Amino acid sequence: MSSTPKKILIVEDDRILASALRAGLEEEGFEVVETHDGLEGLAAAKKYLPDLTLCDISMPKMDGLTMLEQIRQTTWGQYLTVMMLTNLNDKENISLALKNYAFRYFVKSDWDLSQIIQEIKKELKVK
């Protein structure tokens, strides 16, 4: 990995999953910020300006789609790579995520941790 690690923001209210993602990404050399609701995630995105955000949809305080919409309204967030990671596999949520330029939409039950990490590495062009 390059001398400056890529920053990943995880916004996931399932603390066990968030912790597992964080551990896996840190093992690959990423700098990881972990938050557990949309409000924390939005504040962390503004503060840390991550290279990529991995975001759940169903969360307390602010859902992931609202967070994504608010990120896209900022200058710095217009081009932020966002991957949605959720249990919701309905057309309405997928459509809303894609409308706000989510790069990928992962349904949790269809992907394992190592596959998600590989997709992040591929998107950020990290070996």
Protein backbone atom coordinates (compact mmCIF):
# COMPACT_ATOMS: atom_id res chain seq x y z
CA MET A 1 0.00 0.00 0.00
CA SER A 2 1.17 3.57 -0.59
CA SER A 3 2.79 5.61 2.15
CA THR A 4 -0.46 7.44 2.90
CA PRO A 5 -3.17 4.94 3.81
CA LYS A 6 -6.58 5.38 2.25
CA LYS A 7 -9.27 6.48 4.73
CA ILE A 8 -12.44 4.41 5.04
CA LEU A 9 -15.50 5.55 6.99
CA ILE A 10 -17.77 2.77 8.25
CA VAL A 11 -21.29 3.85 9.22
CA GLU A 12 -22.97 0.72 10.62
CA ASP A 13 -25.19 0.34 13.68
CA ASP A 14 -24.43 -3.39 14.01
CA ARG A 15 -21.36 -2.98 16.21
CA ILE A 16 -20.17 -6.57 15.71
CA LEU A 17 -20.23 -6.19 11.92
CA ALA A 18 -18.67 -2.71 12.10
CA SER A 19 -15.88 -4.03 14.31
CA ALA A 20 -15.23 -6.99 11.98
CA LEU A 21 -15.13 -4.68 8.94
CA ARG A 22 -12.80 -2.31 10.75
CA ALA A 23 -10.42 -5.11 11.76
CA GLY A 24 -10.36 -6.53 8.24
CA LEU A 25 -9.74 -3.16 6.62
CA GLU A 26 -7.06 -2.15 9.13
CA GLU A 27 -5.33 -5.47 8.49
CA GLU A 28 -5.18 -4.46 4.81
CA GLY A 29 -3.51 -1.16 5.77
CA PHE A 30 -6.48 1.19 5.61
CA GLU A 31 -7.08 3.97 8.11
CA VAL A 32 -10.61 3.34 9.43
CA VAL A 33 -13.12 5.54 11.24
CA GLU A 34 -16.11 3.67 12.67
CA THR A 35 -19.45 5.28 13.50
CA HIS A 36 -22.82 3.78 14.47
CA ASP A 37 -25.55 6.09 13.15
CA GLY A 38 -26.12 8.50 10.30
CA LEU A 39 -25.57 11.67 12.34
CA GLU A 40 -22.19 10.41 13.61
CA GLY A 41 -21.37 9.25 10.10
CA LEU A 42 -22.15 12.62 8.53
CA ALA A 43 -20.06 14.45 11.15
CA ALA A 44 -17.17 12.00 10.68
CA ALA A 45 -17.34 12.34 6.89
CA LYS A 46 -17.08 16.14 7.20
CA LYS A 47 -14.21 15.89 9.68
CA TYR A 48 -12.10 13.11 8.11
CA LEU A 49 -12.97 13.46 4.38
CA PRO A 50 -12.64 9.72 3.73
CA ASP A 51 -11.63 8.19 0.42
CA LEU A 52 -14.58 5.80 0.67
CA THR A 53 -17.63 5.44 2.91
CA LEU A 54 -19.29 2.10 3.63
CA CYS A 55 -22.79 2.86 4.90
CA ASP A 56 -25.77 0.92 6.22
CA ILE A 57 -29.28 2.17 5.41
CA SER A 58 -31.38 1.27 8.47
CA MET A 59 -29.79 3.10 11.40
CA PRO A 60 -30.89 5.20 14.36
CA LYS A 61 -30.91 9.02 14.38
CA MET A 62 -30.44 9.32 10.59
CA ASP A 63 -30.75 6.59 7.99
CA GLY A 64 -28.02 5.96 5.45
CA LEU A 65 -29.98 7.26 2.46
CA THR A 66 -30.60 10.60 4.18
CA MET A 67 -26.92 10.74 5.14
CA LEU A 68 -25.91 10.02 1.53
CA GLU A 69 -28.28 12.71 0.25
CA GLN A 70 -26.80 15.27 2.66
CA ILE A 71 -23.23 14.31 1.73
CA ARG A 72 -24.04 14.79 -1.97
CA GLN A 73 -25.26 18.35 -1.26
CA THR A 74 -21.78 19.42 -0.14
CA THR A 75 -18.88 20.38 -2.40
CA TRP A 76 -16.51 17.87 -0.79
CA GLY A 77 -19.08 15.07 -0.84
CA GLN A 78 -20.19 15.27 -4.46
CA TYR A 79 -17.54 12.79 -5.59
CA LEU A 80 -17.09 10.74 -2.42
CA THR A 81 -17.21 7.02 -3.18
CA VAL A 82 -20.08 5.54 -1.15
CA MET A 83 -20.93 1.87 -0.93
CA MET A 84 -24.22 0.92 0.71
CA LEU A 85 -24.18 -2.22 2.86
CA THR A 86 -27.64 -3.24 4.01
CA ASN A 87 -30.19 -5.96 4.62
CA LEU A 88 -32.71 -4.10 2.47
CA ASN A 89 -33.05 -5.68 -0.95
CA ASP A 90 -36.03 -3.77 -2.34
CA LYS A 91 -36.15 -1.76 -5.54
CA GLU A 92 -37.13 1.49 -3.79
CA ASN A 93 -34.05 1.58 -1.54
CA ILE A 94 -31.72 0.48 -4.34
CA SER A 95 -33.19 3.17 -6.60
CA LEU A 96 -32.78 5.90 -3.95
CA ALA A 97 -29.19 4.87 -3.27
CA LEU A 98 -28.29 4.84 -6.96
CA LYS A 99 -30.10 8.16 -7.53
CA ASN A 100 -27.67 9.67 -5.03
CA TYR A 101 -24.73 8.06 -6.78
CA ALA A 102 -23.92 5.23 -4.42
CA PHE A 103 -21.10 3.39 -6.15
CA ARG A 104 -22.23 -0.07 -5.02
CA TYR A 105 -25.17 -1.56 -3.17
CA PHE A 106 -24.32 -4.68 -1.17
CA VAL A 107 -27.01 -6.83 0.41
CA LYS A 108 -25.34 -8.21 3.55
CA SER A 109 -26.62 -11.75 3.10
CA ASP A 110 -25.09 -11.95 -0.41
CA TRP A 111 -21.53 -10.92 0.51
CA ASP A 112 -18.94 -12.03 3.03
CA LEU A 113 -16.40 -9.79 4.71
CA SER A 114 -13.46 -10.73 2.49
CA GLN A 115 -15.47 -10.06 -0.69
CA ILE A 116 -16.50 -6.60 0.54
CA ILE A 117 -12.88 -5.77 1.40
CA GLN A 118 -11.78 -6.93 -2.06
CA GLU A 119 -14.41 -4.68 -3.69
CA ILE A 120 -13.18 -1.72 -1.62
CA LYS A 121 -9.57 -2.43 -2.61
CA LYS A 122 -10.58 -2.71 -6.26
CA GLU A 123 -12.49 0.59 -6.16
CA LEU A 124 -9.61 2.43 -4.46
CA LYS A 125 -7.08 0.75 -6.76
CA VAL A 126 -5.16 -0.77 -3.84
CA LYS A 127 -3.34 -4.08 -4.19
